[in-house]
Amino acid sequence: MDPLTTLLRLSATEQTERGLEHTPREIAQQPDTWIATFGLLQRREAELQDFLSLAGVGGRQQERPIVYLIGAGTSDYVGRSLHHLLRSKWQCEVIPVASTSLLTDFPDHVLRDQRYLWISFSRSGDSPEGVAVLERALAECPGVSHLLVTCNSGGRMNQVVEGRANCLSIVLDDATHDRGLAMTSSFTNMVLAGQILAHVWSTKQYESILRALISAGEQLVPSAATLACELAQAGYKRVCFVGSGALAGAALECALKVLEMTAGKVQTMSQASLALRHGPMAALNQETMLVALVSSQLQRRQYEVDLLREIGSKDLVRTRVAVATQADSLRADADYVLTPETQESIPDLYRPVLDVIFGQMLGLFASIHCGLKPDLPSPNGAISRVVQNVDIY
């Protein structure tokens, strides 16, 4: 039995006492919830096509909008895991912009007479920054179209856009509205929703990708749990995640999961793979685990394998972990290689929902090793499930 299944089979009383009531289940349920998310968006396919067409997506090149992908924290990393795919499929400029940046620098991000589509991602729909940015844009920029992707029908953001012109909301299944502090299934399902939007005029094509993701996810969950549990018990003080392209967004989210769920007892950092050499490599030491999300694309993969090899030859870290879809020759340059036991070919653009699973697992088991409660891992209240006490000016 893998360690995640062991946690899921604890009595309800023990799960509650140890803060394990929600987070293990929310990590485990992800491949199943992806099916529901696809079905929900597929049923709204015509409505989504009409809305996006009116916003300029798919129209004449000179009339297409600039698309902003907006969110805070994990919801920001949703956008950073999607912008390459959406840019490729929609053939327009797509830019991830944190709502925290929009709140403080609003005028700097808005060009007069420019056509925009803003896609906001929010688990709760109650992030103070997200609500404030949305309300300001609606008041001051009536020409901006807004698409909201949220997991909470009762959130303030959903209420704000409801019934408004140029606005549409997608509310995912309530099962994705994580009750634990850390966002897990909400992250992967919002990313998946974005992938489906990229294929909104070709959902049949996406179905084969979805089947591959679900198959790989089902294989990856138990093996990721086993490896994460083993490594968490070794007591690393630092974890560095690296990835390229869409996987750079997944690396950011992995680093945040470990940091959040260990209340900072394990320090984390994230870099684009080739950026690590340009200064941040100085932070690596023998208390560090390096986790490389290794590309499936040959040229990119060669650069990343060179990085793993260099870090090994310099003996910069205690452990190198490679997460990939195919192991190939990685075992020569990594101490551990984690891959799903499937031969499915999954391009990097779709992999964030898979690769983040190891970061989630590592956060969960490191939290337990640190003596914390994964559902509520911040004993001093430094962070909360929904950010509080943000004054809006």
Protein backbone atom coordinates (compact mmCIF):
# COMPACT_ATOMS: atom_id res chain seq x y z
CA MET A 1 0.00 0.00 0.00
CA ASP A 2 1.43 3.40 -0.94
CA PRO A 3 1.75 6.08 1.80
CA LEU A 4 -1.07 8.25 0.42
CA THR A 5 -3.53 5.35 0.52
CA THR A 6 -2.43 4.68 4.11
CA LEU A 7 -3.39 8.25 5.04
CA LEU A 8 -6.72 7.95 3.23
CA ARG A 9 -7.55 4.80 5.22
CA LEU A 10 -6.98 6.36 8.64
CA SER A 11 -10.08 6.66 10.78
CA ALA A 12 -12.04 9.89 10.44
CA THR A 13 -11.11 10.78 14.02
CA GLU A 14 -7.38 10.36 13.40
CA GLN A 15 -7.56 12.29 10.12
CA THR A 16 -9.20 15.21 11.90
CA GLU A 17 -6.78 15.15 14.83
CA ARG A 18 -3.73 15.09 12.53
CA GLY A 19 -5.02 17.67 10.06
CA LEU A 20 -5.35 15.08 7.30
CA GLU A 21 -9.07 15.28 6.66
CA HIS A 22 -8.88 17.18 3.35
CA THR A 23 -5.43 17.52 1.76
CA PRO A 24 -4.62 13.82 1.07
CA ARG A 25 -8.05 13.27 -0.46
CA GLU A 26 -7.84 16.45 -2.54
CA ILE A 27 -4.48 15.39 -3.97
CA ALA A 28 -5.66 11.83 -4.65
CA GLN A 29 -8.91 12.79 -6.36
CA GLN A 30 -7.34 14.85 -9.13
CA PRO A 31 -7.47 12.47 -12.14
CA ASP A 32 -11.15 11.75 -11.41
CA THR A 33 -12.04 15.44 -11.14
CA TRP A 34 -10.42 16.20 -14.50
CA ILE A 35 -13.14 14.12 -16.17
CA ALA A 36 -15.87 16.25 -14.57
CA THR A 37 -14.13 19.50 -15.55
CA PHE A 38 -13.91 18.39 -19.16
CA GLY A 39 -17.57 17.40 -19.19
CA LEU A 40 -18.64 20.73 -17.70
CA LEU A 41 -16.80 22.81 -20.30
CA GLN A 42 -17.77 20.51 -23.14
CA ARG A 43 -21.46 21.05 -22.29
CA ARG A 44 -20.86 24.82 -22.52
CA GLU A 45 -18.81 24.59 -25.69
CA ALA A 46 -21.14 26.69 -27.90
CA GLU A 47 -21.56 29.35 -25.19
CA LEU A 48 -17.79 29.60 -24.70
CA GLN A 49 -17.14 29.77 -28.44
CA ASP A 50 -19.65 32.62 -28.78
CA PHE A 51 -18.20 34.57 -25.84
CA LEU A 52 -14.61 34.21 -26.99
CA SER A 53 -15.54 35.13 -30.55
CA LEU A 54 -17.24 38.31 -29.33
CA ALA A 55 -14.09 39.07 -27.30
CA GLY A 56 -12.08 38.86 -30.54
CA VAL A 57 -10.43 35.46 -30.10
CA GLY A 58 -10.20 33.72 -33.46
CA GLY A 59 -11.11 36.82 -35.40
CA ARG A 60 -9.01 38.83 -37.82
CA GLN A 61 -5.44 39.13 -36.55
CA GLN A 62 -5.53 42.91 -36.10
CA GLU A 63 -8.74 42.66 -34.06
CA ARG A 64 -7.62 39.95 -31.64
CA PRO A 65 -7.30 40.95 -27.97
CA ILE A 66 -4.37 40.91 -25.62
CA VAL A 67 -5.27 38.22 -23.10
CA TYR A 68 -4.31 38.67 -19.45
CA LEU A 69 -4.28 35.59 -17.19
CA ILE A 70 -4.92 36.95 -13.71
CA GLY A 71 -4.62 35.45 -10.24
CA ALA A 72 -2.74 35.63 -6.95
CA GLY A 73 -0.32 33.01 -5.61
CA THR A 74 -1.27 29.58 -6.90
CA SER A 75 -3.94 31.14 -9.13
CA ASP A 76 -1.21 33.26 -10.71
CA TYR A 77 0.78 30.09 -11.38
CA VAL A 78 -2.26 28.70 -13.20
CA GLY A 79 -1.76 31.44 -15.77
CA ARG A 80 1.99 30.86 -15.88
CA SER A 81 1.27 27.20 -16.71
CA LEU A 82 -1.09 28.13 -19.56
CA HIS A 83 0.12 31.18 -21.45
CA HIS A 84 2.33 29.30 -23.93
CA LEU A 85 -0.50 26.94 -24.87
CA LEU A 86 -3.14 29.67 -25.20
CA ARG A 87 -0.79 31.86 -27.25
CA SER A 88 -0.11 28.94 -29.59
CA LYS A 89 -3.74 27.90 -30.04
CA TRP A 90 -5.36 31.35 -30.13
CA GLN A 91 -2.56 33.06 -32.07
CA CYS A 92 -2.71 36.25 -30.00
CA GLU A 93 -0.65 37.73 -27.19
CA VAL A 94 -1.32 36.03 -23.85
CA ILE A 95 0.35 37.39 -20.71
CA PRO A 96 0.16 36.15 -17.11
CA VAL A 97 -0.31 39.14 -14.77
CA ALA A 98 -0.60 38.72 -10.99
CA SER A 99 -3.68 40.41 -9.53
CA THR A 100 -1.38 41.67 -6.77
CA SER A 101 0.56 43.60 -9.42
CA LEU A 102 -2.58 44.83 -11.13
CA LEU A 103 -3.88 46.16 -7.82
CA THR A 104 -0.86 48.38 -7.18
CA ASP A 105 0.07 49.20 -10.80
CA PHE A 106 -3.28 49.20 -12.57
CA PRO A 107 -2.66 52.15 -14.95
CA ASP A 108 0.69 50.68 -16.04
CA HIS A 109 -1.00 47.53 -17.34
CA VAL A 110 -3.86 49.07 -19.32
CA LEU A 111 -3.30 50.67 -22.74
CA ARG A 112 -5.93 53.05 -24.00
CA ASP A 113 -7.93 51.76 -26.99
CA GLN A 114 -6.34 48.30 -26.71
CA ARG A 115 -8.73 45.35 -26.88
CA TYR A 116 -8.41 43.01 -23.89
CA LEU A 117 -9.74 39.73 -22.60
CA TRP A 118 -8.98 39.22 -18.91
CA ILE A 119 -9.25 35.64 -17.64
CA SER A 120 -9.29 35.57 -13.84
CA PHE A 121 -8.52 32.38 -11.92
CA SER A 122 -9.53 32.04 -8.27
CA ARG A 123 -10.30 29.00 -6.13
CA SER A 124 -12.48 30.88 -3.66
CA GLY A 125 -13.43 33.86 -5.78
CA ASP A 126 -12.95 35.93 -2.63
CA SER A 127 -9.32 37.03 -2.93
CA PRO A 128 -9.37 40.72 -1.90
CA GLU A 129 -6.94 41.67 -4.66
CA GLY A 130 -8.87 39.72 -7.31
CA VAL A 131 -12.19 41.24 -6.30
CA ALA A 132 -10.76 44.77 -6.20
CA VAL A 133 -9.05 44.48 -9.60
CA LEU A 134 -12.19 43.06 -11.19
CA GLU A 135 -14.42 45.78 -9.75
CA ARG A 136 -12.03 48.53 -10.86
CA ALA A 137 -11.75 47.15 -14.38
CA LEU A 138 -15.52 46.94 -14.71
CA ALA A 139 -15.87 50.54 -13.51
CA GLU A 140 -13.01 52.12 -15.47
CA CYS A 141 -12.49 49.87 -18.52
CA PRO A 142 -15.93 48.91 -19.86
CA GLY A 143 -14.41 47.62 -23.11
CA VAL A 144 -12.51 44.81 -21.38
CA SER A 145 -14.10 41.36 -21.63
CA HIS A 146 -13.89 39.19 -18.51
CA LEU A 147 -13.90 35.41 -18.16
CA LEU A 148 -13.81 34.06 -14.59
CA VAL A 149 -12.70 30.51 -13.75
CA THR A 150 -13.46 29.69 -10.12
CA CYS A 151 -14.28 26.76 -7.85
CA ASN A 152 -16.81 28.62 -5.68
CA SER A 153 -20.22 29.69 -6.96
CA GLY A 154 -20.73 31.77 -3.81
CA GLY A 155 -17.54 33.79 -4.22
CA ARG A 156 -17.67 37.57 -4.51
CA MET A 157 -16.03 37.55 -7.96
CA ASN A 158 -18.75 35.31 -9.37
CA GLN A 159 -21.39 37.62 -7.96
CA VAL A 160 -19.67 40.68 -9.45
CA VAL A 161 -19.65 39.34 -13.04
CA GLU A 162 -23.04 37.65 -12.95
CA GLY A 163 -25.43 39.07 -15.52
CA ARG A 164 -22.98 41.72 -16.81
CA ALA A 165 -22.29 42.35 -20.46
CA ASN A 166 -18.85 41.22 -21.69
CA CYS A 167 -18.57 38.84 -18.72
CA LEU A 168 -18.84 35.08 -18.30
CA SER A 169 -18.04 32.79 -15.40
CA ILE A 170 -17.06 29.13 -15.31
CA VAL A 171 -17.73 27.56 -11.90
CA LEU A 172 -16.02 24.19 -11.58
CA ASP A 173 -17.41 21.27 -9.59
CA ASP A 174 -17.57 21.87 -5.83
CA ALA A 175 -15.20 18.93 -5.30
CA THR A 176 -12.41 21.11 -6.70
CA HIS A 177 -13.06 23.82 -4.07
CA ASP A 178 -10.27 22.57 -1.79
CA ARG A 179 -11.05 22.70 1.92
CA GLY A 180 -7.38 22.35 2.89
CA LEU A 181 -5.22 25.46 3.11
CA ALA A 182 -3.03 24.58 0.13
CA MET A 183 -4.57 24.61 -3.34
CA THR A 184 -4.14 21.22 -5.00
CA SER A 185 -7.08 19.89 -7.03
CA SER A 186 -8.25 23.47 -7.59
CA PHE A 187 -4.91 24.25 -9.26
CA THR A 188 -4.89 21.30 -11.64
CA ASN A 189 -8.56 21.69 -12.55
CA MET A 190 -8.22 25.40 -13.31
CA VAL A 191 -5.17 24.60 -15.46
CA LEU A 192 -7.16 21.85 -17.16
CA ALA A 193 -10.03 24.30 -17.76
CA GLY A 194 -7.54 26.63 -19.43
CA GLN A 195 -6.27 23.80 -21.62
CA ILE A 196 -9.84 23.04 -22.68
CA LEU A 197 -10.42 26.73 -23.46
CA ALA A 198 -7.34 26.62 -25.69
CA HIS A 199 -9.09 23.81 -27.59
CA VAL A 200 -12.61 25.21 -27.39
CA TRP A 201 -12.99 24.92 -31.17
CA SER A 202 -11.40 21.46 -31.19
CA THR A 203 -12.51 19.65 -28.02
CA LYS A 204 -12.47 16.30 -29.81
CA GLN A 205 -8.74 16.76 -30.36
CA TYR A 206 -8.29 17.51 -26.66
CA GLU A 207 -10.12 14.33 -25.59
CA SER A 208 -7.15 12.16 -26.53
CA ILE A 209 -4.84 14.45 -24.53
CA LEU A 210 -7.21 14.24 -21.57
CA ARG A 211 -7.25 10.44 -21.68
CA ALA A 212 -3.44 10.42 -21.66
CA LEU A 213 -3.33 12.84 -18.72
CA ILE A 214 -5.80 10.81 -16.68
CA SER A 215 -3.98 7.54 -17.37
CA ALA A 216 -0.63 9.08 -16.47
CA GLY A 217 -2.07 10.80 -13.40
CA GLU A 218 -3.55 7.58 -12.05
CA GLN A 219 -0.15 5.90 -12.42
CA LEU A 220 1.78 8.84 -11.01
CA VAL A 221 -0.18 9.42 -7.78
CA PRO A 222 0.94 6.28 -5.87
CA SER A 223 4.54 6.33 -7.13
CA ALA A 224 4.88 10.06 -6.38
CA ALA A 225 3.52 9.44 -2.88
CA THR A 226 6.03 6.65 -2.25
CA LEU A 227 9.02 8.70 -3.39
CA ALA A 228 7.88 11.89 -1.64
CA CYS A 229 7.34 10.07 1.65
CA GLU A 230 10.82 8.50 1.48
CA LEU A 231 12.54 11.79 0.68
CA ALA A 232 10.57 13.81 3.24
CA GLN A 233 11.88 11.58 6.02
CA ALA A 234 15.46 12.50 5.08
CA GLY A 235 14.92 15.98 6.50
CA TYR A 236 16.03 18.29 3.70
CA LYS A 237 16.25 21.96 4.67
CA ARG A 238 15.95 23.28 1.11
CA VAL A 239 14.24 22.20 -2.10
CA CYS A 240 14.91 23.79 -5.48
CA PHE A 241 12.50 23.17 -8.37
CA VAL A 242 13.44 23.91 -11.99
CA GLY A 243 11.49 23.68 -15.22
CA SER A 244 11.28 25.25 -18.66
CA GLY A 245 8.38 26.68 -20.67
CA ALA A 246 5.01 25.63 -19.25
CA LEU A 247 6.86 23.53 -16.67
CA ALA A 248 8.42 26.68 -15.20
CA GLY A 249 4.91 27.54 -13.96
CA ALA A 250 4.54 24.06 -12.48
CA ALA A 251 7.93 24.44 -10.76
CA LEU A 252 6.75 27.68 -9.12
CA GLU A 253 3.66 25.91 -7.83
CA CYS A 254 5.67 22.92 -6.54
CA ALA A 255 7.94 25.25 -4.59
CA LEU A 256 4.96 27.06 -3.08
CA LYS A 257 3.31 23.79 -1.99
CA VAL A 258 6.36 22.67 -0.01
CA LEU A 259 6.85 26.13 1.51
CA GLU A 260 3.18 26.50 2.51
CA MET A 261 2.68 23.04 3.93
CA THR A 262 5.89 23.12 5.99
CA ALA A 263 5.23 26.67 7.26
CA GLY A 264 8.61 27.66 5.85
CA LYS A 265 10.53 25.02 7.82
CA VAL A 266 11.68 23.77 4.44
CA GLN A 267 12.90 26.71 2.37
CA THR A 268 12.18 26.52 -1.34
CA MET A 269 13.12 28.28 -4.54
CA SER A 270 12.14 27.94 -8.18
CA GLN A 271 13.95 28.92 -11.33
CA ALA A 272 13.63 28.41 -15.04
CA SER A 273 16.10 25.62 -15.78
CA LEU A 274 18.77 27.66 -17.56
CA ALA A 275 18.36 30.65 -15.22
CA LEU A 276 19.68 28.62 -12.27
CA ARG A 277 23.30 29.08 -13.34
CA HIS A 278 22.96 32.88 -13.36
CA GLY A 279 23.37 33.42 -9.62
CA PRO A 280 20.72 31.28 -7.87
CA MET A 281 22.93 28.17 -8.07
CA ALA A 282 24.89 29.75 -5.20
CA ALA A 283 22.04 28.78 -2.85
CA LEU A 284 22.46 25.03 -3.45
CA ASN A 285 24.17 22.98 -0.74
CA GLN A 286 24.23 19.52 0.82
CA GLU A 287 20.94 20.18 2.62
CA THR A 288 19.24 20.75 -0.76
CA MET A 289 17.07 18.52 -2.91
CA LEU A 290 16.98 19.57 -6.56
CA VAL A 291 13.82 18.60 -8.45
CA ALA A 292 14.01 18.99 -12.23
CA LEU A 293 10.81 18.84 -14.28
CA VAL A 294 12.51 17.46 -17.37
CA SER A 295 11.09 18.34 -20.77
CA SER A 296 9.76 15.87 -23.31
CA GLN A 297 11.04 18.12 -26.12
CA LEU A 298 14.47 16.97 -27.28
CA GLN A 299 16.38 20.25 -27.51
CA ARG A 300 15.01 21.58 -24.24
CA ARG A 301 15.68 18.24 -22.56
CA GLN A 302 19.34 18.30 -23.61
CA TYR A 303 19.87 21.62 -21.84
CA GLU A 304 18.16 20.31 -18.71
CA VAL A 305 20.14 17.07 -18.63
CA ASP A 306 23.34 19.12 -18.96
CA LEU A 307 22.25 21.09 -15.88
CA LEU A 308 21.61 17.91 -13.88
CA ARG A 309 24.99 16.57 -14.96
CA GLU A 310 26.81 19.78 -13.98
CA ILE A 311 25.17 19.91 -10.55
CA GLY A 312 26.15 16.28 -10.01
CA SER A 313 29.74 16.77 -11.14
CA LYS A 314 30.13 19.74 -8.79
CA ASP A 315 28.44 17.84 -5.92
CA LEU A 316 26.24 20.88 -5.22
CA VAL A 317 23.21 19.11 -3.70
CA ARG A 318 22.50 15.99 -1.69
CA THR A 319 19.87 14.62 -4.09
CA ARG A 320 18.76 15.17 -7.67
CA VAL A 321 15.23 14.13 -8.63
CA ALA A 322 14.05 14.11 -12.26
CA VAL A 323 10.32 14.17 -13.01
CA ALA A 324 9.59 13.21 -16.61
CA THR A 325 7.22 11.36 -18.87
CA GLN A 326 9.98 9.05 -20.14
CA ALA A 327 13.01 7.95 -18.10
CA ASP A 328 15.29 7.29 -21.12
CA SER A 329 18.88 7.96 -19.97
CA LEU A 330 17.98 10.18 -17.01
CA ARG A 331 19.07 7.62 -14.43
CA ALA A 332 22.70 8.40 -15.22
CA ASP A 333 22.26 12.03 -14.16
CA ALA A 334 19.64 11.88 -11.37
CA ASP A 335 19.47 9.96 -8.12
CA TYR A 336 15.74 9.36 -8.54
CA VAL A 337 13.60 9.40 -11.69
CA LEU A 338 9.83 9.66 -11.35
CA THR A 339 7.71 8.84 -14.39
CA PRO A 340 4.16 7.52 -14.87
CA GLU A 341 4.09 3.86 -15.86
CA THR A 342 2.59 4.61 -19.25
CA GLN A 343 3.88 4.95 -22.79
CA GLU A 344 1.58 7.89 -23.55
CA SER A 345 3.30 10.84 -25.23
CA ILE A 346 2.31 14.08 -23.46
CA PRO A 347 3.73 17.39 -24.74
CA ASP A 348 5.15 19.82 -22.18
CA LEU A 349 2.31 22.29 -22.81
CA TYR A 350 -0.10 19.89 -21.08
CA ARG A 351 2.18 18.48 -18.36
CA PRO A 352 1.76 21.01 -15.50
CA VAL A 353 -1.24 19.09 -14.12
CA LEU A 354 0.95 15.97 -13.89
CA ASP A 355 4.30 17.34 -12.78
CA VAL A 356 2.83 19.37 -9.93
CA ILE A 357 1.63 16.17 -8.27
CA PHE A 358 5.12 15.39 -6.97
CA GLY A 359 5.41 18.88 -5.45
CA GLN A 360 2.04 18.42 -3.77
CA MET A 361 3.07 15.04 -2.38
CA LEU A 362 6.40 16.36 -1.15
CA GLY A 363 4.63 19.23 0.59
CA LEU A 364 2.19 16.82 2.25
CA PHE A 365 4.77 14.37 3.58
CA ALA A 366 7.29 17.06 4.53
CA SER A 367 4.51 18.76 6.51
CA ILE A 368 3.87 15.52 8.41
CA HIS A 369 7.62 15.04 8.98
CA CYS A 370 7.79 18.57 10.44
CA GLY A 371 5.07 17.71 12.94
CA LEU A 372 2.48 20.00 11.30
CA LYS A 373 -1.12 19.50 10.24
CA PRO A 374 -1.25 19.62 6.41
CA ASP A 375 -4.81 20.96 6.35
CA LEU A 376 -3.79 23.82 8.67
CA PRO A 377 0.00 24.00 8.46
CA SER A 378 0.47 27.58 9.66
CA PRO A 379 0.31 27.42 13.47
CA ASN A 380 1.06 31.13 13.92
CA GLY A 381 -1.59 32.17 11.41
CA ALA A 382 0.95 33.71 9.01
CA ILE A 383 -1.04 32.42 6.04
CA SER A 384 -4.66 31.39 5.68
CA ARG A 385 -6.81 29.56 3.16
CA VAL A 386 -8.11 32.85 1.76
CA VAL A 387 -5.93 35.96 2.20
CA GLN A 388 -7.35 38.33 4.81
CA ASN A 389 -6.79 41.86 6.09
CA VAL A 390 -5.92 43.52 2.77
CA ASP A 391 -6.99 47.16 2.80
CA ILE A 392 -8.00 48.35 -0.67
CA TYR A 393 -7.09 51.91 -1.67
